PDB file of N, CA and C in Angstrom:
ATOM      1  N   MET A   1     -39.950 -59.335  63.959  1.00  0.00           N
ATOM      2  CA  MET A   1     -41.097 -58.257  64.006  1.00  0.00           C
ATOM      3  C   MET A   1     -42.530 -58.424  64.497  1.00  0.00           C
ATOM      4  N   LYS A   2     -42.625 -59.651  63.732  1.00  0.00           N
ATOM      5  CA  LYS A   2     -44.363 -60.360  64.365  1.00  0.00           C
ATOM      6  C   LYS A   2     -44.477 -59.746  65.508  1.00  0.00           C
ATOM      7  N   TRP A   3     -43.577 -59.915  66.154  1.00  0.00           N
ATOM      8  CA  TRP A   3     -43.896 -60.700  67.821  1.00  0.00           C
ATOM      9  C   TRP A   3     -44.293 -58.592  68.250  1.00  0.00           C
ATOM     10  N   VAL A   4     -43.488 -57.945  67.962  1.00  0.00           N
ATOM     11  CA  VAL A   4     -43.736 -56.531  68.093  1.00  0.00           C
ATOM     12  C   VAL A   4     -45.182 -55.858  67.538  1.00  0.00           C
ATOM     13  N   LEU A   5     -45.361 -56.549  66.335  1.00  0.00           N
ATOM     14  CA  LEU A   5     -46.378 -56.315  66.130  1.00  0.00           C
ATOM     15  C   LEU A   5     -47.706 -56.514  66.821  1.00  0.00           C
ATOM     16  N   LEU A   6     -47.515 -58.242  67.589  1.00  0.00           N
ATOM     17  CA  LEU A   6     -48.703 -58.607  68.304  1.00  0.00           C
ATOM     18  C   LEU A   6     -48.794 -57.985  69.564  1.00  0.00           C
ATOM     19  N   LEU A   7     -47.496 -57.517  69.861  1.00  0.00           N
ATOM     20  CA  LEU A   7     -47.254 -56.851  71.377  1.00  0.00           C
ATOM     21  C   LEU A   7     -47.964 -55.598  71.286  1.00  0.00           C
ATOM     22  N   PHE A   8     -47.209 -54.775  70.496  1.00  0.00           N
ATOM     23  CA  PHE A   8     -47.675 -53.660  70.213  1.00  0.00           C
ATOM     24  C   PHE A   8     -49.248 -53.422  70.218  1.00  0.00           C
ATOM     25  N   GLY A   9     -50.249 -54.501  69.258  1.00  0.00           N
ATOM     26  CA  GLY A   9     -51.265 -54.448  69.778  1.00  0.00           C
ATOM     27  C   GLY A   9     -51.926 -54.945  70.691  1.00  0.00           C
ATOM     28  N   ILE A  10     -51.143 -55.886  71.501  1.00  0.00           N
ATOM     29  CA  ILE A  10     -52.201 -56.188  73.351  1.00  0.00           C
ATOM     30  C   ILE A  10     -51.722 -54.322  74.223  1.00  0.00           C
ATOM     31  N   LEU A  11     -50.654 -54.239  73.493  1.00  0.00           N
ATOM     32  CA  LEU A  11     -50.302 -52.757  74.834  1.00  0.00           C
ATOM     33  C   LEU A  11     -51.728 -52.005  74.097  1.00  0.00           C
ATOM     34  N   ALA A  12     -51.768 -51.381  72.880  1.00  0.00           N
ATOM     35  CA  ALA A  12     -53.082 -51.070  72.261  1.00  0.00           C
ATOM     36  C   ALA A  12     -53.813 -51.112  73.398  1.00  0.00           C
ATOM     37  N   GLU A  13     -54.544 -52.670  72.633  1.00  0.00           N
ATOM     38  CA  GLU A  13     -55.584 -53.015  73.171  1.00  0.00           C
ATOM     39  C   GLU A  13     -55.845 -52.440  74.915  1.00  0.00           C
ATOM     40  N   LEU A  14     -54.708 -52.512  75.439  1.00  0.00           N
ATOM     41  CA  LEU A  14     -54.559 -52.737  77.397  1.00  0.00           C
ATOM     42  C   LEU A  14     -55.138 -51.170  77.825  1.00  0.00           C
ATOM     43  N   CYS A  15     -54.128 -50.371  76.631  1.00  0.00           N
ATOM     44  CA  CYS A  15     -54.532 -49.112  76.718  1.00  0.00           C
ATOM     45  C   CYS A  15     -56.188 -48.339  76.595  1.00  0.00           C
ATOM     46  N   GLY A  16     -56.958 -49.172  75.670  1.00  0.00           N
ATOM     47  CA  GLY A  16     -58.080 -49.022  75.440  1.00  0.00           C
ATOM     48  C   GLY A  16     -59.335 -49.671  76.466  1.00  0.00           C
ATOM     49  N   SER A  17     -58.753 -50.227  77.211  1.00  0.00           N
ATOM     50  CA  SER A  17     -59.570 -51.114  77.790  1.00  0.00           C
ATOM     51  C   SER A  17     -59.557 -49.946  79.519  1.00  0.00           C
ATOM     52  N   THR A  18     -58.253 -49.750  79.343  1.00  0.00           N
ATOM     53  CA  THR A  18     -57.763 -48.876  80.838  1.00  0.00           C
ATOM     54  C   THR A  18     -58.781 -47.568  80.485  1.00  0.00           C
ATOM     55  N   CYS A  19     -58.329 -47.048  79.363  1.00  0.00           N
ATOM     56  CA  CYS A  19     -59.340 -46.096  78.765  1.00  0.00           C
ATOM     57  C   CYS A  19     -60.562 -46.068  78.902  1.00  0.00           C
ATOM     58  N   MET A  20     -61.451 -47.045  78.698  1.00  0.00           N
ATOM     59  CA  MET A  20     -62.760 -47.647  79.071  1.00  0.00           C
ATOM     60  C   MET A  20     -63.646 -47.543  80.658  1.00  0.00           C
ATOM     61  N   LYS A  21     -62.472 -47.577  81.265  1.00  0.00           N
ATOM     62  CA  LYS A  21     -62.491 -47.768  82.607  1.00  0.00           C
ATOM     63  C   LYS A  21     -62.203 -46.122  83.159  1.00  0.00           C
ATOM     64  N   MET A  22     -61.408 -45.653  82.856  1.00  0.00           N
ATOM     65  CA  MET A  22     -61.071 -44.209  82.871  1.00  0.00           C
ATOM     66  C   MET A  22     -62.731 -43.660  82.407  1.00  0.00           C
ATOM     67  N   SER A  23     -63.328 -43.947  81.345  1.00  0.00           N
ATOM     68  CA  SER A  23     -64.029 -42.729  80.767  1.00  0.00           C
ATOM     69  C   SER A  23     -65.406 -43.053  82.034  1.00  0.00           C
ATOM     70  N   GLU A  24     -65.872 -44.066  83.063  1.00  0.00           N
ATOM     71  CA  GLU A  24     -66.900 -43.879  83.663  1.00  0.00           C
ATOM     72  C   GLU A  24     -68.298 -43.883  83.228  1.00  0.00           C
ATOM     73  N   GLY A  25     -68.239 -45.054  82.041  1.00  0.00           N
ATOM     74  CA  GLY A  25     -69.164 -45.406  81.538  1.00  0.00           C
ATOM     75  C   GLY A  25     -69.468 -44.898  80.144  1.00  0.00           C
ATOM     76  N   PHE A  26     -69.068 -44.271  79.774  1.00  0.00           N
ATOM     77  CA  PHE A  26     -68.381 -43.386  78.648  1.00  0.00           C
ATOM     78  C   PHE A  26     -69.370 -41.374  79.021  1.00  0.00           C
ATOM     79  N   THR A  27     -69.091 -41.138  79.967  1.00  0.00           N
ATOM     80  CA  THR A  27     -69.313 -40.462  80.268  1.00  0.00           C
ATOM     81  C   THR A  27     -68.415 -39.157  80.825  1.00  0.00           C
ATOM     82  N   ARG A  28     -67.071 -39.415  80.059  1.00  0.00           N
ATOM     83  CA  ARG A  28     -65.676 -38.463  80.131  1.00  0.00           C
ATOM     84  C   ARG A  28     -65.664 -38.633  78.828  1.00  0.00           C
ATOM     85  N   VAL A  29     -65.543 -37.471  77.976  1.00  0.00           N
ATOM     86  CA  VAL A  29     -65.348 -37.588  76.808  1.00  0.00           C
ATOM     87  C   VAL A  29     -63.980 -38.152  76.541  1.00  0.00           C
ATOM     88  N   TYR A  30     -63.033 -37.430  76.869  1.00  0.00           N
ATOM     89  CA  TYR A  30     -61.531 -37.854  76.110  1.00  0.00           C
ATOM     90  C   TYR A  30     -61.119 -39.378  76.227  1.00  0.00           C
ATOM     91  N   PRO A  31     -61.193 -39.522  77.673  1.00  0.00           N
ATOM     92  CA  PRO A  31     -61.089 -41.169  78.007  1.00  0.00           C
ATOM     93  C   PRO A  31     -62.148 -42.156  76.891  1.00  0.00           C
ATOM     94  N   SER A  32     -63.393 -42.093  76.584  1.00  0.00           N
ATOM     95  CA  SER A  32     -64.086 -42.366  75.781  1.00  0.00           C
ATOM     96  C   SER A  32     -63.732 -42.456  74.390  1.00  0.00           C
ATOM     97  N   ILE A  33     -63.109 -41.356  73.954  1.00  0.00           N
ATOM     98  CA  ILE A  33     -62.595 -40.888  72.401  1.00  0.00           C
ATOM     99  C   ILE A  33     -61.301 -42.043  72.369  1.00  0.00           C
ATOM    100  N   LEU A  34     -60.285 -41.808  73.330  1.00  0.00           N
ATOM    101  CA  LEU A  34     -59.063 -42.504  73.776  1.00  0.00           C
ATOM    102  C   LEU A  34     -59.656 -44.193  73.734  1.00  0.00           C
ATOM    103  N   THR A  35     -60.484 -44.309  74.223  1.00  0.00           N
ATOM    104  CA  THR A  35     -60.792 -46.155  74.243  1.00  0.00           C
ATOM    105  C   THR A  35     -60.817 -46.519  72.907  1.00  0.00           C
ATOM    106  N   PHE A  36     -61.783 -45.696  72.226  1.00  0.00           N
ATOM    107  CA  PHE A  36     -62.056 -46.389  70.227  1.00  0.00           C
ATOM    108  C   PHE A  36     -60.539 -46.267  69.929  1.00  0.00           C
ATOM    109  N   VAL A  37     -59.927 -45.198  69.843  1.00  0.00           N
ATOM    110  CA  VAL A  37     -58.639 -44.863  69.033  1.00  0.00           C
ATOM    111  C   VAL A  37     -57.559 -46.084  69.785  1.00  0.00           C
ATOM    112  N   PHE A  38     -57.409 -46.287  70.729  1.00  0.00           N
ATOM    113  CA  PHE A  38     -56.830 -47.324  70.857  1.00  0.00           C
ATOM    114  C   PHE A  38     -57.131 -48.930  70.777  1.00  0.00           C
ATOM    115  N   TRP A  39     -58.567 -49.107  70.744  1.00  0.00           N
ATOM    116  CA  TRP A  39     -58.733 -50.115  70.305  1.00  0.00           C
ATOM    117  C   TRP A  39     -58.784 -50.096  68.599  1.00  0.00           C
ATOM    118  N   ALA A  40     -59.235 -49.413  68.184  1.00  0.00           N
ATOM    119  CA  ALA A  40     -58.601 -49.370  66.594  1.00  0.00           C
ATOM    120  C   ALA A  40     -57.152 -49.464  66.226  1.00  0.00           C
ATOM    121  N   ILE A  41     -56.460 -48.929  66.918  1.00  0.00           N
ATOM    122  CA  ILE A  41     -54.989 -49.539  66.636  1.00  0.00           C
ATOM    123  C   ILE A  41     -54.744 -50.489  66.880  1.00  0.00           C
ATOM    124  N   GLY A  42     -55.197 -50.978  68.045  1.00  0.00           N
ATOM    125  CA  GLY A  42     -54.540 -52.307  68.522  1.00  0.00           C
ATOM    126  C   GLY A  42     -55.506 -53.191  67.526  1.00  0.00           C
ATOM    127  N   LEU A  43     -56.435 -53.049  67.169  1.00  0.00           N
ATOM    128  CA  LEU A  43     -57.166 -54.257  66.009  1.00  0.00           C
ATOM    129  C   LEU A  43     -56.424 -54.294  65.101  1.00  0.00           C
ATOM    130  N   THR A  44     -55.934 -52.821  64.288  1.00  0.00           N
ATOM    131  CA  THR A  44     -55.269 -53.012  63.155  1.00  0.00           C
ATOM    132  C   THR A  44     -53.861 -53.519  63.158  1.00  0.00           C
ATOM    133  N   VAL A  45     -53.430 -53.151  64.243  1.00  0.00           N
ATOM    134  CA  VAL A  45     -51.881 -54.147  64.155  1.00  0.00           C
ATOM    135  C   VAL A  45     -52.060 -55.291  64.544  1.00  0.00           C
ATOM    136  N   PHE A  46     -53.416 -55.706  64.942  1.00  0.00           N
ATOM    137  CA  PHE A  46     -53.334 -57.390  65.309  1.00  0.00           C
ATOM    138  C   PHE A  46     -53.208 -57.827  63.760  1.00  0.00           C
ATOM    139  N   LEU A  47     -54.350 -57.166  62.923  1.00  0.00           N
ATOM    140  CA  LEU A  47     -54.878 -57.596  61.243  1.00  0.00           C
ATOM    141  C   LEU A  47     -53.402 -57.428  60.977  1.00  0.00           C
ATOM    142  N   PHE A  48     -52.294 -57.154  61.168  1.00  0.00           N
ATOM    143  CA  PHE A  48     -51.341 -56.911  60.990  1.00  0.00           C
ATOM    144  C   PHE A  48     -50.116 -57.644  60.889  1.00  0.00           C
ATOM    145  N   ALA A  49     -50.315 -58.337  62.590  1.00  0.00           N
ATOM    146  CA  ALA A  49     -49.807 -59.780  62.490  1.00  0.00           C
ATOM    147  C   ALA A  49     -49.962 -60.595  62.328  1.00  0.00           C
ATOM    148  N   LEU A  50     -51.315 -61.272  61.860  1.00  0.00           N
ATOM    149  CA  LEU A  50     -52.010 -62.244  61.761  1.00  0.00           C
ATOM    150  C   LEU A  50     -51.598 -62.480  60.445  1.00  0.00           C
ATOM    151  N   ARG A  51     -51.229 -61.571  59.636  1.00  0.00           N
ATOM    152  CA  ARG A  51     -49.932 -61.938  58.259  1.00  0.00           C
ATOM    153  C   ARG A  51     -48.928 -63.343  58.709  1.00  0.00           C
ATOM    154  N   LYS A  52     -48.647 -63.197  59.859  1.00  0.00           N
ATOM    155  CA  LYS A  52     -47.730 -63.767  60.027  1.00  0.00           C
ATOM    156  C   LYS A  52     -47.096 -65.189  61.091  1.00  0.00           C
ATOM    157  N   PHE A  53     -48.782 -64.870  61.870  1.00  0.00           N
ATOM    158  CA  PHE A  53     -49.046 -65.777  62.663  1.00  0.00           C
ATOM    159  C   PHE A  53     -50.501 -66.512  62.390  1.00  0.00           C
ATOM    160  N   ASP A  54     -50.805 -67.826  62.729  1.00  0.00           N
ATOM    161  CA  ASP A  54     -51.768 -68.422  62.874  1.00  0.00           C
ATOM    162  C   ASP A  54     -52.617 -68.116  64.072  1.00  0.00           C
ATOM    163  N   LEU A  55     -54.044 -67.773  63.163  1.00  0.00           N
ATOM    164  CA  LEU A  55     -55.317 -66.816  63.933  1.00  0.00           C
ATOM    165  C   LEU A  55     -55.018 -67.692  65.855  1.00  0.00           C
ATOM    166  N   SER A  56     -55.441 -69.395  65.392  1.00  0.00           N
ATOM    167  CA  SER A  56     -55.665 -69.731  66.442  1.00  0.00           C
ATOM    168  C   SER A  56     -54.609 -69.664  67.763  1.00  0.00           C
ATOM    169  N   PHE A  57     -53.114 -69.381  67.148  1.00  0.00           N
ATOM    170  CA  PHE A  57     -52.106 -69.002  68.155  1.00  0.00           C
ATOM    171  C   PHE A  57     -52.305 -67.774  68.689  1.00  0.00           C
ATOM    172  N   ALA A  58     -51.989 -66.881  67.515  1.00  0.00           N
ATOM    173  CA  ALA A  58     -52.446 -65.322  68.273  1.00  0.00           C
ATOM    174  C   ALA A  58     -53.032 -64.593  68.631  1.00  0.00           C
ATOM    175  N   TYR A  59     -54.622 -65.214  68.825  1.00  0.00           N
ATOM    176  CA  TYR A  59     -55.540 -64.935  69.468  1.00  0.00           C
ATOM    177  C   TYR A  59     -55.316 -65.525  71.056  1.00  0.00           C
ATOM    178  N   ALA A  60     -54.721 -66.737  70.722  1.00  0.00           N
ATOM    179  CA  ALA A  60     -54.511 -66.932  72.242  1.00  0.00           C
ATOM    180  C   ALA A  60     -54.109 -66.413  73.339  1.00  0.00           C
ATOM    181  N   ILE A  61     -53.014 -65.767  72.451  1.00  0.00           N
ATOM    182  CA  ILE A  61     -52.070 -64.830  72.880  1.00  0.00           C
ATOM    183  C   ILE A  61     -52.167 -63.505  72.941  1.00  0.00           C
ATOM    184  N   TRP A  62     -52.703 -63.138  72.549  1.00  0.00           N
ATOM    185  CA  TRP A  62     -53.334 -61.965  72.704  1.00  0.00           C
ATOM    186  C   TRP A  62     -54.646 -62.026  73.813  1.00  0.00           C
ATOM    187  N   ALA A  63     -55.215 -63.231  73.852  1.00  0.00           N
ATOM    188  CA  ALA A  63     -56.127 -63.240  74.983  1.00  0.00           C
ATOM    189  C   ALA A  63     -55.833 -62.843  76.205  1.00  0.00           C
ATOM    190  N   GLY A  64     -54.660 -63.960  76.491  1.00  0.00           N
ATOM    191  CA  GLY A  64     -53.867 -64.416  77.663  1.00  0.00           C
ATOM    192  C   GLY A  64     -53.342 -63.235  78.486  1.00  0.00           C
ATOM    193  N   LEU A  65     -52.754 -62.804  77.337  1.00  0.00           N
ATOM    194  CA  LEU A  65     -51.709 -61.485  77.831  1.00  0.00           C
ATOM    195  C   LEU A  65     -52.635 -60.376  78.190  1.00  0.00           C
ATOM    196  N   GLY A  66     -53.798 -60.293  77.377  1.00  0.00           N
ATOM    197  CA  GLY A  66     -54.760 -58.869  77.465  1.00  0.00           C
ATOM    198  C   GLY A  66     -55.713 -59.487  78.822  1.00  0.00           C
ATOM    199  N   ILE A  67     -55.877 -60.481  79.076  1.00  0.00           N
ATOM    200  CA  ILE A  67     -56.263 -60.855  80.370  1.00  0.00           C
ATOM    201  C   ILE A  67     -55.744 -60.963  81.513  1.00  0.00           C
ATOM    202  N   MET A  68     -54.328 -60.921  81.534  1.00  0.00           N
ATOM    203  CA  MET A  68     -52.968 -60.869  82.634  1.00  0.00           C
ATOM    204  C   MET A  68     -52.941 -58.900  82.576  1.00  0.00           C
ATOM    205  N   GLY A  69     -52.954 -58.606  81.312  1.00  0.00           N
ATOM    206  CA  GLY A  69     -52.473 -57.271  81.499  1.00  0.00           C
ATOM    207  C   GLY A  69     -54.038 -56.369  82.243  1.00  0.00           C
ATOM    208  N   VAL A  70     -54.775 -56.562  82.047  1.00  0.00           N
ATOM    209  CA  VAL A  70     -55.844 -55.667  82.657  1.00  0.00           C
ATOM    210  C   VAL A  70     -56.210 -56.135  83.610  1.00  0.00           C
ATOM    211  N   SER A  71     -55.634 -57.765  84.534  1.00  0.00           N
ATOM    212  CA  SER A  71     -55.239 -58.192  85.563  1.00  0.00           C
ATOM    213  C   SER A  71     -54.950 -57.070  86.601  1.00  0.00           C
ATOM    214  N   ILE A  72     -53.533 -56.807  86.160  1.00  0.00           N
ATOM    215  CA  ILE A  72     -52.213 -56.256  86.999  1.00  0.00           C
ATOM    216  C   ILE A  72     -52.907 -54.994  87.001  1.00  0.00           C
ATOM    217  N   ILE A  73     -53.487 -54.390  85.936  1.00  0.00           N
ATOM    218  CA  ILE A  73     -53.727 -52.750  85.881  1.00  0.00           C
ATOM    219  C   ILE A  73     -54.781 -52.298  86.832  1.00  0.00           C
ATOM    220  N   GLY A  74     -55.599 -53.490  86.770  1.00  0.00           N
ATOM    221  CA  GLY A  74     -56.915 -52.999  87.836  1.00  0.00           C
ATOM    222  C   GLY A  74     -56.096 -53.434  89.028  1.00  0.00           C
ATOM    223  N   ILE A  75     -55.447 -54.044  89.675  1.00  0.00           N
ATOM    224  CA  ILE A  75     -54.989 -53.927  90.723  1.00  0.00           C
ATOM    225  C   ILE A  75     -54.380 -52.790  91.236  1.00  0.00           C
ATOM    226  N   LEU A  76     -53.036 -52.718  90.355  1.00  0.00           N
ATOM    227  CA  LEU A  76     -52.392 -51.650  90.869  1.00  0.00           C
ATOM    228  C   LEU A  76     -52.860 -50.035  90.585  1.00  0.00           C
ATOM    229  N   PHE A  77     -53.814 -49.868  89.617  1.00  0.00           N
ATOM    230  CA  PHE A  77     -53.946 -48.527  89.380  1.00  0.00           C
ATOM    231  C   PHE A  77     -55.609 -48.744  89.757  1.00  0.00           C
ATOM    232  N   PHE A  78     -56.377 -49.203  89.621  1.00  0.00           N
ATOM    233  CA  PHE A  78     -57.749 -49.034  90.201  1.00  0.00           C
ATOM    234  C   PHE A  78     -58.003 -49.807  91.541  1.00  0.00           C
ATOM    235  N   LYS A  79     -57.376 -50.527  92.105  1.00  0.00           N
ATOM    236  CA  LYS A  79     -57.762 -50.290  93.153  1.00  0.00           C
ATOM    237  C   LYS A  79     -58.141 -51.402  93.557  1.00  0.00           C
ATOM    238  N   GLU A  80     -58.193 -52.487  92.517  1.00  0.00           N
ATOM    239  CA  GLU A  80     -59.646 -53.365  92.715  1.00  0.00           C
ATOM    240  C   GLU A  80     -58.811 -54.958  93.638  1.00  0.00           C
ATOM    241  N   PRO A  81     -59.599 -55.541  94.383  1.00  0.00           N
ATOM    242  CA  PRO A  81     -59.181 -56.452  95.181  1.00  0.00           C
ATOM    243  C   PRO A  81     -58.587 -57.346  94.544  1.00  0.00           C
ATOM    244  N   SER A  82     -56.903 -57.841  95.081  1.00  0.00           N
ATOM    245  CA  SER A  82     -56.037 -59.013  94.641  1.00  0.00           C
ATOM    246  C   SER A  82     -56.204 -60.177  96.153  1.00  0.00           C
ATOM    247  N   SER A  83     -56.367 -61.677  95.361  1.00  0.00           N
ATOM    248  CA  SER A  83     -56.494 -62.553  96.278  1.00  0.00           C
ATOM    249  C   SER A  83     -55.204 -63.426  95.727  1.00  0.00           C
ATOM    250  N   LEU A  84     -55.035 -64.093  96.304  1.00  0.00           N
ATOM    251  CA  LEU A  84     -54.083 -65.763  95.927  1.00  0.00           C
ATOM    252  C   LEU A  84     -54.537 -66.372  94.815  1.00  0.00           C
ATOM    253  N   LEU A  85     -55.760 -66.796  94.624  1.00  0.00           N
ATOM    254  CA  LEU A  85     -56.456 -67.527  93.827  1.00  0.00           C
ATOM    255  C   LEU A  85     -56.105 -66.551  92.519  1.00  0.00           C
ATOM    256  N   LYS A  86     -56.377 -64.991  92.724  1.00  0.00           N
ATOM    257  CA  LYS A  86     -56.431 -64.031  91.342  1.00  0.00           C
ATOM    258  C   LYS A  86     -55.046 -63.907  90.407  1.00  0.00           C
ATOM    259  N   ILE A  87     -53.906 -64.389  91.909  1.00  0.00           N
ATOM    260  CA  ILE A  87     -52.571 -64.076  91.189  1.00  0.00           C
ATOM    261  C   ILE A  87     -52.300 -65.480  90.779  1.00  0.00           C
ATOM    262  N   THR A  88     -52.612 -66.440  91.245  1.00  0.00           N
ATOM    263  CA  THR A  88     -52.554 -67.810  90.804  1.00  0.00           C
ATOM    264  C   THR A  88     -53.218 -68.021  89.697  1.00  0.00           C
ATOM    265  N   SER A  89     -54.343 -67.320  89.017  1.00  0.00           N
ATOM    266  CA  SER A  89     -54.655 -67.446  87.944  1.00  0.00           C
ATOM    267  C   SER A  89     -54.049 -66.746  86.661  1.00  0.00           C
ATOM    268  N   ILE A  90     -53.441 -65.502  86.998  1.00  0.00           N
ATOM    269  CA  ILE A  90     -52.663 -64.699  86.361  1.00  0.00           C
ATOM    270  C   ILE A  90     -51.096 -65.316  85.782  1.00  0.00           C
ATOM    271  N   ILE A  91     -50.721 -66.194  86.818  1.00  0.00           N
ATOM    272  CA  ILE A  91     -49.318 -67.314  86.645  1.00  0.00           C
ATOM    273  C   ILE A  91     -50.369 -68.229  85.751  1.00  0.00           C
ATOM    274  N   ILE A  92     -51.020 -68.583  85.911  1.00  0.00           N
ATOM    275  CA  ILE A  92     -51.672 -70.174  85.519  1.00  0.00           C
ATOM    276  C   ILE A  92     -51.640 -69.225  83.336  1.00  0.00           C
ATOM    277  N   ILE A  93     -52.328 -68.005  83.690  1.00  0.00           N
ATOM    278  CA  ILE A  93     -52.378 -67.705  82.003  1.00  0.00           C
ATOM    279  C   ILE A  93     -50.846 -67.572  81.701  1.00  0.00           C
ATOM    280  N   VAL A  94     -49.693 -67.260  82.370  1.00  0.00           N
ATOM    281  CA  VAL A  94     -48.495 -66.959  81.655  1.00  0.00           C
ATOM    282  C   VAL A  94     -47.766 -68.308  81.571  1.00  0.00           C
ATOM    283  N   ILE A  95     -48.107 -69.326  82.200  1.00  0.00           N
ATOM    284  CA  ILE A  95     -47.834 -70.517  81.809  1.00  0.00           C
ATOM    285  C   ILE A  95     -48.769 -70.689  80.160  1.00  0.00           C
ATOM    286  N   GLY A  96     -49.784 -70.870  80.679  1.00  0.00           N
ATOM    287  CA  GLY A  96     -50.415 -70.893  79.447  1.00  0.00           C
ATOM    288  C   GLY A  96     -49.849 -70.770  77.882  1.00  0.00           C
ATOM    289  N   VAL A  97     -49.431 -69.316  78.288  1.00  0.00           N
ATOM    290  CA  VAL A  97     -48.811 -68.426  77.429  1.00  0.00           C
ATOM    291  C   VAL A  97     -47.422 -68.957  76.939  1.00  0.00           C
ATOM    292  N   ILE A  98     -46.980 -69.238  77.300  1.00  0.00           N
ATOM    293  CA  ILE A  98     -45.358 -70.186  77.464  1.00  0.00           C
ATOM    294  C   ILE A  98     -45.536 -71.478  76.933  1.00  0.00           C
ATOM    295  N   LEU A  99     -46.607 -72.642  77.356  1.00  0.00           N
ATOM    296  CA  LEU A  99     -46.945 -73.399  76.786  1.00  0.00           C
ATOM    297  C   LEU A  99     -47.233 -73.414  75.008  1.00  0.00           C
ATOM    298  N   LEU A 100     -47.852 -72.652  74.919  1.00  0.00           N
ATOM    299  CA  LEU A 100     -48.161 -72.329  73.267  1.00  0.00           C
ATOM    300  C   LEU A 100     -47.059 -72.029  72.468  1.00  0.00           C
ATOM    301  N   ASN A 101     -46.148 -70.794  73.161  1.00  0.00           N
ATOM    302  CA  ASN A 101     -44.837 -70.590  72.352  1.00  0.00           C
ATOM    303  C   ASN A 101     -44.276 -72.297  71.847  1.00  0.00           C
ATOM    304  N   ILE A 102     -44.133 -72.903  73.392  1.00  0.00           N
ATOM    305  CA  ILE A 102     -43.584 -74.058  73.017  1.00  0.00           C
ATOM    306  C   ILE A 102     -44.056 -74.795  71.796  1.00  0.00           C
ATOM    307  N   SER A 103     -45.234 -75.629  72.215  1.00  0.00           N
ATOM    308  CA  SER A 103     -46.415 -76.071  70.750  1.00  0.00           C
ATOM    309  C   SER A 103     -45.737 -75.683  69.691  1.00  0.00           C
ATOM    310  N   ASP A 104     -45.475 -74.355  69.360  1.00  0.00           N
ATOM    311  CA  ASP A 104     -45.458 -73.579  68.483  1.00  0.00           C
ATOM    312  C   ASP A 104     -44.499 -73.657  67.450  1.00  0.00           C
ATOM    313  N   LEU A 105     -43.615 -73.846  68.837  1.00  0.00           N
ATOM    314  CA  LEU A 105     -42.135 -74.042  68.226  1.00  0.00           C
ATOM    315  C   LEU A 105     -41.744 -75.391  67.794  1.00  0.00           C
ATOM    316  N   LEU A 106     -42.417 -76.236  68.753  1.00  0.00           N
ATOM    317  CA  LEU A 106     -42.277 -77.915  68.467  1.00  0.00           C
ATOM    318  C   LEU A 106     -43.338 -78.654  66.852  1.00  0.00           C
ATOM    319  N   ILE A 107     -43.898 -77.741  66.466  1.00  0.00           N
ATOM    320  CA  ILE A 107     -44.989 -78.460  65.554  1.00  0.00           C
ATOM    321  C   ILE A 107     -44.369 -77.797  64.045  1.00  0.00           C
ATOM    322  N   ARG A 108     -43.461 -76.600  64.517  1.00  0.00           N
ATOM    323  CA  ARG A 108     -42.655 -76.313  63.180  1.00  0.00           C
ATOM    324  C   ARG A 108     -41.507 -76.689  62.791  1.00  0.00           C
ATOM    325  N   LYS A 109     -41.207 -77.622  63.728  1.00  0.00           N
ATOM    326  CA  LYS A 109     -39.870 -78.601  63.356  1.00  0.00           C
ATOM    327  C   LYS A 109     -39.978 -79.501  62.367  1.00  0.00           C
TER     328      LYS A 109
END
């Protein structure tokens, strides 16, 4: 359940960041409002996930998957340029998240 909370919080944060881009500098009303709604949901859910996770671990997952998600959304939906370096960097983030999970499992044993 704790992973569902964390992933839902990350997803809500990604929706908020996407709406922020769509708001065009907060000049469009509905995407602007949705930005804050999704961020509020994301941070609230993250707060509940922190009851079950260490802060350093949860925040690293939050930030890593958030950066990865925003990068992919930017490339796919906003036609941001992609390069081998950008894709390699995303892969390194995924590897970092996996290693964090492994280290957390090893420490808990």
